[in-house]
């Protein structure tokens, strides 16, 4: 978790794979991402982090990343600010992180498990995506999460590079036929890898 890592945009990494260390998940037919907060740091001779409540503050009283995101969600719920804009990256295989899009942070709470309390954060795809690459506002048809298995299949098929220019940097999973026009998020044949530049150029042409 990185609260406002760059200017006004925060960043979180998620893993929806089996055996992932945190219980991230998608709900509501792919419309909602539930992200689990971070554990205390592991220390030699210390307790297993998975048995300790996830911290909201440091011993100094300063907010942890959990606390910063929690406060941002609280301000949104109380109408004090707009939703925090969060860039989400998903681990689709070892060493490969895919950009999943821009999300709005809408809610946060503490949830009790069998052994401890953890933070949960509710995010939904942002209706108005802000392009950090081009420095301008851009509305993208992004309202469903693409399943991890589909992303892995597309990554292998497109050989981990943009199908337009061959770039391997800042790749996006793009719907060939937009979801809003009936395109599926569940079929690899409707998903392709595009670099940020070609992804935005394509959507500029969609009327």
N, C-alpha and C. Protein backbone atom coordinates (compact mmCIF):
# COMPACT_ATOMS: atom_id res chain seq x y z
N UNK A 1 0.85 -1.19 0.00
CA UNK A 1 0.00 0.00 0.00
C UNK A 1 0.88 1.24 0.00
N UNK A 2 0.55 2.17 -0.85
CA UNK A 2 1.31 3.41 -0.91
C UNK A 2 0.33 4.57 -1.06
N UNK A 3 0.12 5.28 0.05
CA UNK A 3 -0.85 6.37 0.04
C UNK A 3 -0.24 7.60 -0.60
N UNK A 4 -0.85 8.06 -1.68
CA UNK A 4 -0.41 9.24 -2.43
C UNK A 4 1.08 9.16 -2.75
N UNK A 5 1.43 8.06 -3.38
CA UNK A 5 2.82 7.82 -3.76
C UNK A 5 3.30 8.86 -4.75
N UNK A 6 2.46 9.17 -5.72
CA UNK A 6 2.81 10.16 -6.74
C UNK A 6 1.69 11.18 -6.82
N UNK A 7 2.00 12.41 -6.44
CA UNK A 7 1.03 13.50 -6.48
C UNK A 7 -0.23 13.10 -5.71
N UNK A 8 -1.37 13.05 -6.40
CA UNK A 8 -2.63 12.77 -5.71
C UNK A 8 -3.10 11.33 -5.88
N UNK A 9 -2.29 10.48 -6.48
CA UNK A 9 -2.71 9.10 -6.75
C UNK A 9 -2.02 8.11 -5.82
N UNK A 10 -2.83 7.27 -5.19
CA UNK A 10 -2.31 6.21 -4.33
C UNK A 10 -2.17 4.92 -5.13
N UNK A 11 -1.41 3.97 -4.60
CA UNK A 11 -1.14 2.72 -5.31
C UNK A 11 -1.30 1.54 -4.36
N UNK A 12 -1.97 0.49 -4.81
CA UNK A 12 -2.01 -0.75 -4.04
C UNK A 12 -1.77 -1.94 -4.97
N UNK A 13 -1.06 -2.95 -4.46
CA UNK A 13 -0.88 -4.21 -5.20
C UNK A 13 -1.86 -5.25 -4.67
N UNK A 14 -2.50 -5.98 -5.56
CA UNK A 14 -3.41 -7.03 -5.12
C UNK A 14 -2.98 -8.37 -5.71
N UNK A 15 -3.37 -9.43 -5.04
CA UNK A 15 -3.14 -10.76 -5.57
C UNK A 15 -4.39 -11.59 -5.32
N UNK A 16 -4.99 -12.06 -6.39
CA UNK A 16 -6.21 -12.85 -6.30
C UNK A 16 -5.93 -14.33 -6.54
N UNK A 17 -4.64 -14.67 -6.55
CA UNK A 17 -4.25 -16.05 -6.80
C UNK A 17 -4.44 -16.91 -5.56
N UNK A 18 -4.63 -18.19 -5.79
CA UNK A 18 -4.74 -19.13 -4.67
C UNK A 18 -3.44 -19.12 -3.88
N UNK A 19 -3.54 -19.07 -2.55
CA UNK A 19 -2.37 -19.09 -1.70
C UNK A 19 -1.74 -17.73 -1.48
N UNK A 20 -2.38 -16.66 -1.94
CA UNK A 20 -1.85 -15.32 -1.74
C UNK A 20 -1.80 -14.99 -0.25
N UNK A 21 -0.83 -14.19 0.20
CA UNK A 21 -0.68 -13.90 1.63
C UNK A 21 -1.79 -13.06 2.22
N UNK A 22 -2.54 -12.34 1.39
CA UNK A 22 -3.64 -11.52 1.88
C UNK A 22 -4.93 -11.94 1.20
N UNK A 23 -6.06 -11.75 1.91
CA UNK A 23 -7.35 -12.22 1.42
C UNK A 23 -8.04 -11.16 0.56
N UNK A 24 -7.40 -10.77 -0.53
CA UNK A 24 -8.04 -9.86 -1.49
C UNK A 24 -9.05 -10.65 -2.30
N UNK A 25 -10.15 -10.01 -2.70
CA UNK A 25 -11.15 -10.72 -3.49
C UNK A 25 -11.99 -9.73 -4.29
N UNK A 26 -12.68 -10.26 -5.31
CA UNK A 26 -13.61 -9.45 -6.08
C UNK A 26 -15.02 -9.94 -5.82
N UNK A 27 -15.96 -9.00 -5.83
CA UNK A 27 -17.35 -9.32 -5.57
C UNK A 27 -18.25 -8.56 -6.53
N UNK A 28 -19.54 -8.80 -6.42
CA UNK A 28 -20.54 -8.04 -7.19
C UNK A 28 -20.29 -8.16 -8.68
N UNK A 29 -20.08 -9.39 -9.16
CA UNK A 29 -19.89 -9.65 -10.59
C UNK A 29 -18.72 -8.85 -11.16
N UNK A 30 -17.67 -8.74 -10.37
CA UNK A 30 -16.47 -8.07 -10.85
C UNK A 30 -16.48 -6.56 -10.70
N UNK A 31 -17.49 -5.99 -10.06
CA UNK A 31 -17.58 -4.54 -9.92
C UNK A 31 -16.86 -4.01 -8.69
N UNK A 32 -16.61 -4.88 -7.72
CA UNK A 32 -16.07 -4.43 -6.44
C UNK A 32 -14.81 -5.20 -6.07
N UNK A 33 -13.80 -4.48 -5.62
CA UNK A 33 -12.57 -5.07 -5.12
C UNK A 33 -12.52 -4.87 -3.62
N UNK A 34 -12.36 -5.96 -2.87
CA UNK A 34 -12.15 -5.88 -1.43
C UNK A 34 -10.68 -6.20 -1.15
N UNK A 35 -10.00 -5.24 -0.60
CA UNK A 35 -8.55 -5.33 -0.40
C UNK A 35 -8.26 -5.40 1.08
N UNK A 36 -7.39 -6.35 1.46
CA UNK A 36 -7.03 -6.50 2.87
C UNK A 36 -5.80 -5.66 3.20
N UNK A 37 -5.82 -5.03 4.38
CA UNK A 37 -4.71 -4.19 4.82
C UNK A 37 -3.42 -4.96 5.04
N UNK A 38 -2.38 -4.24 5.44
CA UNK A 38 -1.07 -4.84 5.60
C UNK A 38 -0.78 -5.23 7.05
N UNK A 39 -0.02 -6.30 7.21
CA UNK A 39 0.37 -6.80 8.53
C UNK A 39 1.52 -5.97 9.10
N UNK A 40 1.78 -6.19 10.38
CA UNK A 40 2.98 -5.62 10.99
C UNK A 40 4.19 -6.26 10.34
N UNK A 41 5.32 -5.56 10.39
CA UNK A 41 6.54 -6.10 9.81
C UNK A 41 7.03 -7.31 10.61
N UNK A 42 7.56 -8.29 9.91
CA UNK A 42 8.10 -9.47 10.59
C UNK A 42 9.44 -9.12 11.23
N UNK A 43 9.62 -9.51 12.49
CA UNK A 43 10.85 -9.24 13.21
C UNK A 43 11.43 -10.53 13.77
N UNK A 44 12.75 -10.63 13.75
CA UNK A 44 13.41 -11.80 14.30
C UNK A 44 13.06 -11.97 15.77
N UNK A 45 12.54 -13.12 16.11
CA UNK A 45 12.15 -13.38 17.48
C UNK A 45 10.79 -12.85 17.86
N UNK A 46 10.15 -12.13 16.94
CA UNK A 46 8.83 -11.55 17.20
C UNK A 46 7.72 -12.51 16.85
N UNK A 47 6.48 -12.10 17.10
CA UNK A 47 5.34 -12.97 16.81
C UNK A 47 5.10 -13.08 15.31
N UNK A 48 4.38 -14.11 14.93
CA UNK A 48 3.96 -14.27 13.55
C UNK A 48 3.02 -13.11 13.19
N UNK A 49 3.35 -12.32 12.16
CA UNK A 49 2.48 -11.19 11.82
C UNK A 49 1.02 -11.57 11.58
N UNK A 50 0.80 -12.82 11.18
CA UNK A 50 -0.56 -13.26 10.90
C UNK A 50 -1.38 -13.50 12.18
N UNK A 51 -0.74 -13.37 13.34
CA UNK A 51 -1.44 -13.52 14.61
C UNK A 51 -1.64 -12.18 15.32
N UNK A 52 -1.18 -11.10 14.70
CA UNK A 52 -1.22 -9.77 15.32
C UNK A 52 -2.22 -8.88 14.58
N UNK A 53 -2.99 -8.11 15.34
CA UNK A 53 -3.92 -7.17 14.70
C UNK A 53 -3.17 -6.25 13.74
N UNK A 54 -3.75 -6.03 12.59
CA UNK A 54 -3.12 -5.11 11.65
C UNK A 54 -3.14 -3.70 12.25
N UNK A 55 -2.01 -3.00 12.19
CA UNK A 55 -1.90 -1.72 12.90
C UNK A 55 -2.49 -0.54 12.15
N UNK A 56 -3.11 0.35 12.91
CA UNK A 56 -3.61 1.60 12.36
C UNK A 56 -2.61 2.73 12.57
N UNK A 57 -1.84 2.61 13.66
CA UNK A 57 -0.83 3.62 13.95
C UNK A 57 0.49 2.96 14.31
N UNK A 58 1.56 3.71 14.19
CA UNK A 58 2.88 3.28 14.63
C UNK A 58 3.04 3.61 16.11
N UNK A 59 4.05 3.06 16.79
CA UNK A 59 4.27 3.40 18.19
C UNK A 59 4.38 4.91 18.43
N UNK A 60 4.84 5.64 17.42
CA UNK A 60 4.97 7.10 17.54
C UNK A 60 3.63 7.81 17.47
N UNK A 61 2.57 7.08 17.07
CA UNK A 61 1.26 7.69 16.90
C UNK A 61 0.97 8.08 15.46
N UNK A 62 1.98 8.02 14.62
CA UNK A 62 1.80 8.34 13.21
C UNK A 62 0.99 7.24 12.53
N UNK A 63 0.15 7.62 11.58
CA UNK A 63 -0.69 6.65 10.89
C UNK A 63 0.15 5.74 10.00
N UNK A 64 -0.18 4.45 10.04
CA UNK A 64 0.40 3.49 9.09
C UNK A 64 -0.29 3.68 7.74
N UNK A 65 0.13 2.90 6.74
CA UNK A 65 -0.56 2.92 5.46
C UNK A 65 -2.03 2.51 5.65
N UNK A 66 -2.27 1.53 6.52
CA UNK A 66 -3.65 1.15 6.83
C UNK A 66 -4.43 2.36 7.32
N UNK A 67 -3.82 3.09 8.25
CA UNK A 67 -4.48 4.25 8.84
C UNK A 67 -4.74 5.36 7.85
N UNK A 68 -3.79 5.61 6.95
CA UNK A 68 -3.94 6.66 5.96
C UNK A 68 -5.10 6.34 5.00
N UNK A 69 -5.15 5.09 4.53
CA UNK A 69 -6.24 4.70 3.63
C UNK A 69 -7.57 4.70 4.37
N UNK A 70 -7.56 4.26 5.63
CA UNK A 70 -8.78 4.23 6.43
C UNK A 70 -9.34 5.64 6.61
N UNK A 71 -8.47 6.59 6.91
CA UNK A 71 -8.92 7.97 7.11
C UNK A 71 -9.45 8.56 5.81
N UNK A 72 -8.83 8.22 4.69
CA UNK A 72 -9.31 8.71 3.40
C UNK A 72 -10.72 8.19 3.12
N UNK A 73 -10.96 6.91 3.42
CA UNK A 73 -12.29 6.33 3.23
C UNK A 73 -13.30 6.98 4.17
N UNK A 74 -12.89 7.24 5.40
CA UNK A 74 -13.79 7.88 6.37
C UNK A 74 -14.21 9.27 5.88
N UNK A 75 -13.26 10.04 5.37
CA UNK A 75 -13.58 11.39 4.87
C UNK A 75 -14.57 11.33 3.72
N UNK A 76 -14.41 10.32 2.85
CA UNK A 76 -15.33 10.16 1.73
C UNK A 76 -16.73 9.80 2.23
N UNK A 77 -16.83 8.86 3.16
CA UNK A 77 -18.12 8.44 3.68
C UNK A 77 -18.86 9.58 4.37
N UNK A 78 -18.11 10.48 5.00
CA UNK A 78 -18.72 11.60 5.71
C UNK A 78 -18.92 12.82 4.81
N UNK A 79 -18.60 12.68 3.53
CA UNK A 79 -18.83 13.76 2.60
C UNK A 79 -17.83 14.89 2.69
N UNK A 80 -16.69 14.64 3.32
CA UNK A 80 -15.68 15.67 3.49
C UNK A 80 -14.75 15.79 2.29
N UNK A 81 -14.69 14.75 1.46
CA UNK A 81 -13.80 14.78 0.30
C UNK A 81 -14.28 13.80 -0.75
N UNK A 82 -13.76 13.96 -1.96
CA UNK A 82 -14.05 13.01 -3.03
C UNK A 82 -13.31 11.70 -2.75
N UNK A 83 -13.72 10.59 -3.37
CA UNK A 83 -13.03 9.32 -3.14
C UNK A 83 -11.56 9.39 -3.51
N UNK A 84 -10.74 8.76 -2.71
CA UNK A 84 -9.31 8.66 -3.01
C UNK A 84 -9.13 7.86 -4.29
N UNK A 85 -8.33 8.39 -5.21
CA UNK A 85 -8.07 7.71 -6.47
C UNK A 85 -6.89 6.78 -6.30
N UNK A 86 -7.08 5.50 -6.63
CA UNK A 86 -6.07 4.48 -6.36
C UNK A 86 -5.72 3.72 -7.63
N UNK A 87 -4.44 3.66 -7.96
CA UNK A 87 -3.97 2.80 -9.04
C UNK A 87 -3.80 1.39 -8.47
N UNK A 88 -4.38 0.41 -9.14
CA UNK A 88 -4.31 -0.97 -8.68
C UNK A 88 -3.48 -1.79 -9.65
N UNK A 89 -2.55 -2.56 -9.09
CA UNK A 89 -1.74 -3.48 -9.87
C UNK A 89 -1.98 -4.89 -9.33
N UNK A 90 -2.18 -5.84 -10.24
CA UNK A 90 -2.47 -7.21 -9.83
C UNK A 90 -1.32 -8.15 -10.20
N UNK A 91 -0.94 -8.98 -9.24
CA UNK A 91 0.08 -10.00 -9.51
C UNK A 91 -0.59 -11.16 -10.22
N UNK A 92 -0.21 -11.40 -11.47
CA UNK A 92 -0.86 -12.48 -12.22
C UNK A 92 0.01 -13.73 -12.30
N UNK A 93 1.31 -13.58 -12.04
CA UNK A 93 2.23 -14.72 -11.94
C UNK A 93 3.50 -14.19 -11.29
N UNK A 94 4.38 -15.07 -10.86
CA UNK A 94 5.60 -14.65 -10.19
C UNK A 94 6.39 -13.69 -11.06
N UNK A 95 6.67 -12.51 -10.51
CA UNK A 95 7.46 -11.51 -11.22
C UNK A 95 6.69 -10.69 -12.22
N UNK A 96 5.37 -10.93 -12.36
CA UNK A 96 4.57 -10.19 -13.35
C UNK A 96 3.41 -9.49 -12.65
N UNK A 97 3.45 -8.16 -12.71
CA UNK A 97 2.37 -7.35 -12.16
C UNK A 97 1.67 -6.62 -13.30
N UNK A 98 0.35 -6.71 -13.35
CA UNK A 98 -0.43 -6.09 -14.42
C UNK A 98 -1.23 -4.92 -13.87
N UNK A 99 -1.28 -3.85 -14.64
CA UNK A 99 -2.06 -2.69 -14.26
C UNK A 99 -3.54 -3.02 -14.39
N UNK A 100 -4.30 -2.89 -13.30
CA UNK A 100 -5.72 -3.25 -13.29
C UNK A 100 -6.63 -2.04 -13.44
N UNK A 101 -6.07 -0.83 -13.40
CA UNK A 101 -6.88 0.35 -13.61
C UNK A 101 -6.92 1.27 -12.41
N UNK A 102 -7.68 2.34 -12.55
CA UNK A 102 -7.87 3.32 -11.48
C UNK A 102 -9.18 3.06 -10.76
N UNK A 103 -9.11 3.09 -9.43
CA UNK A 103 -10.25 2.76 -8.60
C UNK A 103 -10.54 3.89 -7.62
N UNK A 104 -11.80 3.99 -7.21
CA UNK A 104 -12.21 4.90 -6.14
C UNK A 104 -12.29 4.12 -4.84
N UNK A 105 -11.67 4.66 -3.79
CA UNK A 105 -11.77 4.07 -2.45
C UNK A 105 -13.04 4.59 -1.79
N UNK A 106 -13.98 3.70 -1.52
CA UNK A 106 -15.29 4.12 -1.02
C UNK A 106 -15.52 3.83 0.45
N UNK A 107 -14.90 2.78 0.98
CA UNK A 107 -15.23 2.39 2.35
C UNK A 107 -14.06 1.63 2.96
N UNK A 108 -14.05 1.57 4.30
CA UNK A 108 -13.02 0.83 5.03
C UNK A 108 -13.57 0.46 6.40
N UNK A 109 -13.14 -0.68 6.90
CA UNK A 109 -13.59 -1.11 8.21
C UNK A 109 -12.59 -2.13 8.76
N UNK A 110 -12.72 -2.42 10.05
CA UNK A 110 -11.94 -3.49 10.68
C UNK A 110 -12.81 -4.73 10.77
N UNK A 111 -12.23 -5.87 10.44
CA UNK A 111 -12.97 -7.13 10.42
C UNK A 111 -12.26 -8.14 11.30
N UNK A 112 -13.00 -8.79 12.17
CA UNK A 112 -12.40 -9.76 13.09
C UNK A 112 -12.36 -11.13 12.45
N UNK A 113 -11.19 -11.74 12.43
CA UNK A 113 -11.03 -13.10 11.95
C UNK A 113 -10.88 -14.03 13.15
N UNK A 114 -10.51 -15.26 12.91
CA UNK A 114 -10.39 -16.22 14.00
C UNK A 114 -9.29 -15.83 14.99
N UNK A 115 -8.24 -15.15 14.49
CA UNK A 115 -7.08 -14.87 15.36
C UNK A 115 -6.80 -13.40 15.60
N UNK A 116 -7.40 -12.50 14.81
CA UNK A 116 -7.01 -11.10 14.92
C UNK A 116 -7.98 -10.20 14.16
N UNK A 117 -7.67 -8.90 14.16
CA UNK A 117 -8.45 -7.93 13.39
C UNK A 117 -7.64 -7.48 12.18
N UNK A 118 -8.33 -7.37 11.04
CA UNK A 118 -7.67 -6.90 9.81
C UNK A 118 -8.49 -5.76 9.23
N UNK A 119 -7.84 -4.94 8.44
CA UNK A 119 -8.52 -3.86 7.74
C UNK A 119 -9.01 -4.36 6.40
N UNK A 120 -10.21 -3.89 6.01
CA UNK A 120 -10.76 -4.18 4.70
C UNK A 120 -11.08 -2.86 4.01
N UNK A 121 -10.76 -2.80 2.73
CA UNK A 121 -10.99 -1.59 1.95
C UNK A 121 -11.82 -1.93 0.71
N UNK A 122 -12.86 -1.16 0.49
CA UNK A 122 -13.75 -1.37 -0.65
C UNK A 122 -13.42 -0.37 -1.76
N UNK A 123 -13.12 -0.90 -2.95
CA UNK A 123 -12.80 -0.05 -4.09
C UNK A 123 -13.65 -0.47 -5.29
N UNK A 124 -14.01 0.51 -6.11
CA UNK A 124 -14.73 0.23 -7.35
C UNK A 124 -14.03 0.95 -8.49
N UNK A 125 -14.11 0.42 -9.72
CA UNK A 125 -13.49 1.11 -10.86
C UNK A 125 -13.95 2.55 -10.95
N UNK A 126 -13.01 3.45 -11.16
CA UNK A 126 -13.33 4.87 -11.21
C UNK A 126 -14.04 5.22 -12.51
N UNK A 127 -15.09 6.01 -12.41
CA UNK A 127 -15.85 6.43 -13.59
C UNK A 127 -15.05 7.40 -14.44
N UNK A 128 -14.23 8.23 -13.79
CA UNK A 128 -13.42 9.21 -14.51
C UNK A 128 -11.95 8.93 -14.24
N UNK A 129 -11.35 8.16 -15.12
CA UNK A 129 -9.95 7.79 -14.95
C UNK A 129 -9.06 8.97 -15.32
N UNK A 130 -8.05 9.20 -14.49
CA UNK A 130 -7.10 10.28 -14.77
C UNK A 130 -5.83 9.66 -15.32
N UNK A 131 -5.44 10.09 -16.49
CA UNK A 131 -4.26 9.55 -17.13
C UNK A 131 -3.02 10.25 -16.64
N UNK A 132 -2.25 9.59 -15.79
CA UNK A 132 -1.00 10.17 -15.32
C UNK A 132 0.02 10.23 -16.44
N UNK A 133 -0.14 9.31 -17.42
CA UNK A 133 0.82 9.27 -18.52
C UNK A 133 0.70 10.50 -19.41
N UNK A 134 -0.54 10.93 -19.69
CA UNK A 134 -0.74 12.05 -20.60
C UNK A 134 -1.15 13.33 -19.88
N UNK A 135 -1.34 13.25 -18.55
CA UNK A 135 -1.64 14.43 -17.77
C UNK A 135 -2.97 15.07 -18.08
N UNK A 136 -3.99 14.25 -18.39
CA UNK A 136 -5.30 14.82 -18.70
C UNK A 136 -6.38 13.84 -18.30
N UNK A 137 -7.58 14.34 -18.18
CA UNK A 137 -8.71 13.48 -17.80
C UNK A 137 -9.11 12.61 -18.98
N UNK A 138 -9.54 11.40 -18.65
CA UNK A 138 -9.91 10.47 -19.72
C UNK A 138 -10.98 9.53 -19.18
N UNK A 139 -12.11 9.43 -19.86
CA UNK A 139 -13.15 8.48 -19.46
C UNK A 139 -12.94 7.18 -20.21
N UNK A 140 -12.72 6.13 -19.48
CA UNK A 140 -12.48 4.83 -20.08
C UNK A 140 -13.60 3.87 -19.70
N UNK A 141 -14.01 2.97 -20.62
CA UNK A 141 -15.06 2.00 -20.31
C UNK A 141 -14.51 0.90 -19.41
N UNK A 142 -14.41 1.20 -18.12
CA UNK A 142 -13.77 0.29 -17.18
C UNK A 142 -14.70 0.11 -16.00
N UNK A 143 -15.51 -0.94 -16.02
CA UNK A 143 -16.43 -1.14 -14.91
C UNK A 143 -16.54 -2.61 -14.48
N UNK A 144 -15.64 -3.44 -14.98
CA UNK A 144 -15.59 -4.83 -14.55
C UNK A 144 -14.13 -5.25 -14.45
N UNK A 145 -13.82 -6.05 -13.45
CA UNK A 145 -12.48 -6.60 -13.33
C UNK A 145 -12.36 -7.85 -14.20
N UNK A 146 -11.27 -7.96 -14.90
CA UNK A 146 -11.00 -9.13 -15.73
C UNK A 146 -10.44 -10.23 -14.84
N UNK A 147 -11.01 -11.42 -14.87
CA UNK A 147 -10.52 -12.51 -14.01
C UNK A 147 -9.04 -12.80 -14.23
N UNK A 148 -8.36 -13.19 -13.17
CA UNK A 148 -6.93 -13.46 -13.23
C UNK A 148 -6.58 -14.52 -14.26
N UNK A 149 -7.38 -15.59 -14.33
CA UNK A 149 -7.10 -16.67 -15.28
C UNK A 149 -7.12 -16.15 -16.72
N UNK A 150 -8.02 -15.21 -17.02
CA UNK A 150 -8.09 -14.63 -18.36
C UNK A 150 -6.85 -13.78 -18.61
N UNK A 151 -6.43 -13.02 -17.61
CA UNK A 151 -5.23 -12.19 -17.76
C UNK A 151 -4.01 -13.05 -18.04
N UNK A 152 -3.87 -14.15 -17.33
CA UNK A 152 -2.72 -15.04 -17.54
C UNK A 152 -2.72 -15.58 -18.97
N UNK A 153 -3.92 -16.00 -19.45
CA UNK A 153 -4.03 -16.53 -20.81
C UNK A 153 -3.66 -15.47 -21.85
N UNK A 154 -4.15 -14.24 -21.65
CA UNK A 154 -3.85 -13.15 -22.59
C UNK A 154 -2.38 -12.79 -22.55
N UNK A 155 -1.81 -12.76 -21.34
CA UNK A 155 -0.38 -12.43 -21.20
C UNK A 155 0.49 -13.41 -21.99
N UNK A 156 0.16 -14.69 -21.87
CA UNK A 156 0.92 -15.71 -22.60
C UNK A 156 0.71 -15.57 -24.10
N UNK A 157 -0.52 -15.38 -24.52
CA UNK A 157 -0.83 -15.27 -25.95
C UNK A 157 -0.15 -14.07 -26.59
N UNK A 158 -0.19 -12.91 -25.91
CA UNK A 158 0.39 -11.68 -26.45
C UNK A 158 1.86 -11.52 -26.09
N UNK A 159 2.42 -12.54 -25.43
CA UNK A 159 3.85 -12.59 -25.11
C UNK A 159 4.32 -11.41 -24.28
N UNK A 160 3.45 -10.93 -23.41
CA UNK A 160 3.82 -9.88 -22.47
C UNK A 160 4.21 -8.57 -23.10
N UNK A 161 3.58 -8.21 -24.22
CA UNK A 161 3.91 -6.94 -24.87
C UNK A 161 2.71 -6.38 -25.61
N UNK A 162 2.74 -5.08 -25.86
CA UNK A 162 1.66 -4.39 -26.57
C UNK A 162 1.49 -4.97 -27.97
N UNK A 163 0.26 -5.29 -28.33
CA UNK A 163 0.01 -5.89 -29.65
C UNK A 163 0.16 -4.86 -30.77
N UNK A 164 0.20 -3.58 -30.42
CA UNK A 164 0.33 -2.53 -31.43
C UNK A 164 1.78 -2.18 -31.73
N UNK A 165 2.60 -2.08 -30.68
CA UNK A 165 3.97 -1.60 -30.89
C UNK A 165 5.05 -2.50 -30.30
N UNK A 166 4.65 -3.51 -29.55
CA UNK A 166 5.63 -4.41 -28.97
C UNK A 166 6.24 -3.94 -27.67
N UNK A 167 5.77 -2.80 -27.13
CA UNK A 167 6.31 -2.29 -25.87
C UNK A 167 6.00 -3.24 -24.72
N UNK A 168 6.91 -3.34 -23.77
CA UNK A 168 6.71 -4.16 -22.58
C UNK A 168 6.51 -3.31 -21.33
N UNK A 169 6.37 -2.00 -21.52
CA UNK A 169 6.25 -1.08 -20.39
C UNK A 169 4.81 -0.59 -20.22
N UNK A 170 4.39 -0.49 -18.95
CA UNK A 170 3.08 0.09 -18.59
C UNK A 170 1.95 -0.50 -19.42
N UNK A 171 1.82 -1.81 -19.35
CA UNK A 171 0.81 -2.51 -20.16
C UNK A 171 -0.55 -2.54 -19.49
N UNK A 172 -1.59 -2.48 -20.31
CA UNK A 172 -2.97 -2.52 -19.85
C UNK A 172 -3.69 -3.68 -20.52
N UNK A 173 -4.61 -4.31 -19.78
CA UNK A 173 -5.49 -5.31 -20.38
C UNK A 173 -6.71 -4.57 -20.93
N UNK A 174 -6.86 -4.59 -22.24
CA UNK A 174 -7.88 -3.78 -22.92
C UNK A 174 -8.95 -4.66 -23.55
N UNK A 175 -10.21 -4.22 -23.43
CA UNK A 175 -11.30 -4.91 -24.11
C UNK A 175 -11.28 -4.53 -25.59
N UNK A 176 -11.25 -5.52 -26.46
CA UNK A 176 -11.33 -5.25 -27.90
C UNK A 176 -12.69 -4.63 -28.21
N UNK A 177 -13.75 -5.29 -27.79
CA UNK A 177 -15.10 -4.71 -27.82
C UNK A 177 -15.40 -4.25 -26.41
N UNK A 178 -15.62 -2.94 -26.17
CA UNK A 178 -15.84 -2.43 -24.81
C UNK A 178 -16.98 -3.14 -24.10
N UNK A 179 -16.83 -3.27 -22.77
CA UNK A 179 -17.88 -3.91 -21.97
C UNK A 179 -19.21 -3.20 -22.18
N UNK A 180 -19.18 -1.87 -22.27
CA UNK A 180 -20.41 -1.09 -22.44
C UNK A 180 -21.12 -1.41 -23.75
N UNK A 181 -20.41 -2.03 -24.70
CA UNK A 181 -21.01 -2.39 -25.98
C UNK A 181 -21.23 -3.89 -26.10
N UNK A 182 -21.19 -4.57 -24.98
CA UNK A 182 -21.47 -6.00 -24.98
C UNK A 182 -20.25 -6.89 -24.99
N UNK A 183 -19.07 -6.30 -24.96
CA UNK A 183 -17.84 -7.10 -24.94
C UNK A 183 -17.66 -7.81 -23.61
N UNK A 184 -17.13 -8.99 -23.65
CA UNK A 184 -16.99 -9.81 -22.44
C UNK A 184 -15.64 -9.60 -21.76
N UNK A 185 -15.67 -9.62 -20.40
CA UNK A 185 -14.44 -9.62 -19.61
C UNK A 185 -13.98 -11.04 -19.32
N UNK A 186 -14.80 -12.02 -19.71
CA UNK A 186 -14.55 -13.41 -19.34
C UNK A 186 -13.86 -14.21 -20.44
N UNK A 187 -13.75 -13.63 -21.64
CA UNK A 187 -13.17 -14.35 -22.76
C UNK A 187 -11.86 -13.72 -23.20
N UNK A 188 -10.81 -14.53 -23.25
CA UNK A 188 -9.49 -14.02 -23.63
C UNK A 188 -9.51 -13.43 -25.03
N UNK A 189 -10.36 -13.95 -25.91
CA UNK A 189 -10.38 -13.45 -27.29
C UNK A 189 -10.85 -12.01 -27.38
N UNK A 190 -11.50 -11.50 -26.32
CA UNK A 190 -11.94 -10.10 -26.32
C UNK A 190 -11.01 -9.19 -25.54
N UNK A 191 -9.90 -9.73 -25.05
CA UNK A 191 -8.94 -8.96 -24.26
C UNK A 191 -7.60 -8.95 -24.98
N UNK A 192 -6.94 -7.82 -24.96
CA UNK A 192 -5.61 -7.71 -25.57
C UNK A 192 -4.72 -6.85 -24.70
N UNK A 193 -3.41 -6.99 -24.88
CA UNK A 193 -2.44 -6.16 -24.17
C UNK A 193 -2.13 -4.93 -25.00
N UNK A 194 -2.27 -3.76 -24.38
CA UNK A 194 -1.89 -2.51 -25.02
C UNK A 194 -1.04 -1.69 -24.05
N UNK A 195 -0.09 -0.95 -24.57
CA UNK A 195 0.65 -0.02 -23.74
C UNK A 195 -0.27 1.16 -23.42
N UNK A 196 0.11 1.98 -22.43
CA UNK A 196 -0.75 3.08 -22.01
C UNK A 196 -1.07 4.02 -23.17
N UNK A 197 -0.06 4.32 -24.00
CA UNK A 197 -0.27 5.26 -25.10
C UNK A 197 -1.30 4.75 -26.10
N UNK A 198 -1.16 3.49 -26.52
CA UNK A 198 -2.10 2.96 -27.50
C UNK A 198 -3.47 2.68 -26.90
N UNK A 199 -3.51 2.37 -25.61
CA UNK A 199 -4.79 2.18 -24.95
C UNK A 199 -5.59 3.48 -24.96
N UNK A 200 -4.94 4.58 -24.60
CA UNK A 200 -5.63 5.86 -24.58
C UNK A 200 -5.97 6.35 -25.99
N UNK A 201 -5.09 6.10 -26.96
CA UNK A 201 -5.38 6.50 -28.33
C UNK A 201 -6.61 5.76 -28.85
N UNK A 202 -6.72 4.48 -28.51
CA UNK A 202 -7.86 3.70 -28.96
C UNK A 202 -9.15 4.27 -28.38
N UNK A 203 -9.16 4.59 -27.09
CA UNK A 203 -10.38 5.08 -26.46
C UNK A 203 -10.73 6.50 -26.89
N UNK A 204 -9.74 7.26 -27.36
CA UNK A 204 -10.02 8.58 -27.91
C UNK A 204 -10.92 8.47 -29.14
N UNK A 205 -10.85 7.33 -29.85
CA UNK A 205 -11.59 7.14 -31.09
C UNK A 205 -12.98 6.54 -30.87
N UNK A 206 -13.25 6.09 -29.63
CA UNK A 206 -14.54 5.48 -29.35
C UNK A 206 -15.57 6.57 -29.10
N UNK A 207 -16.64 6.53 -29.84
CA UNK A 207 -17.71 7.54 -29.71
C UNK A 207 -18.87 6.95 -28.91
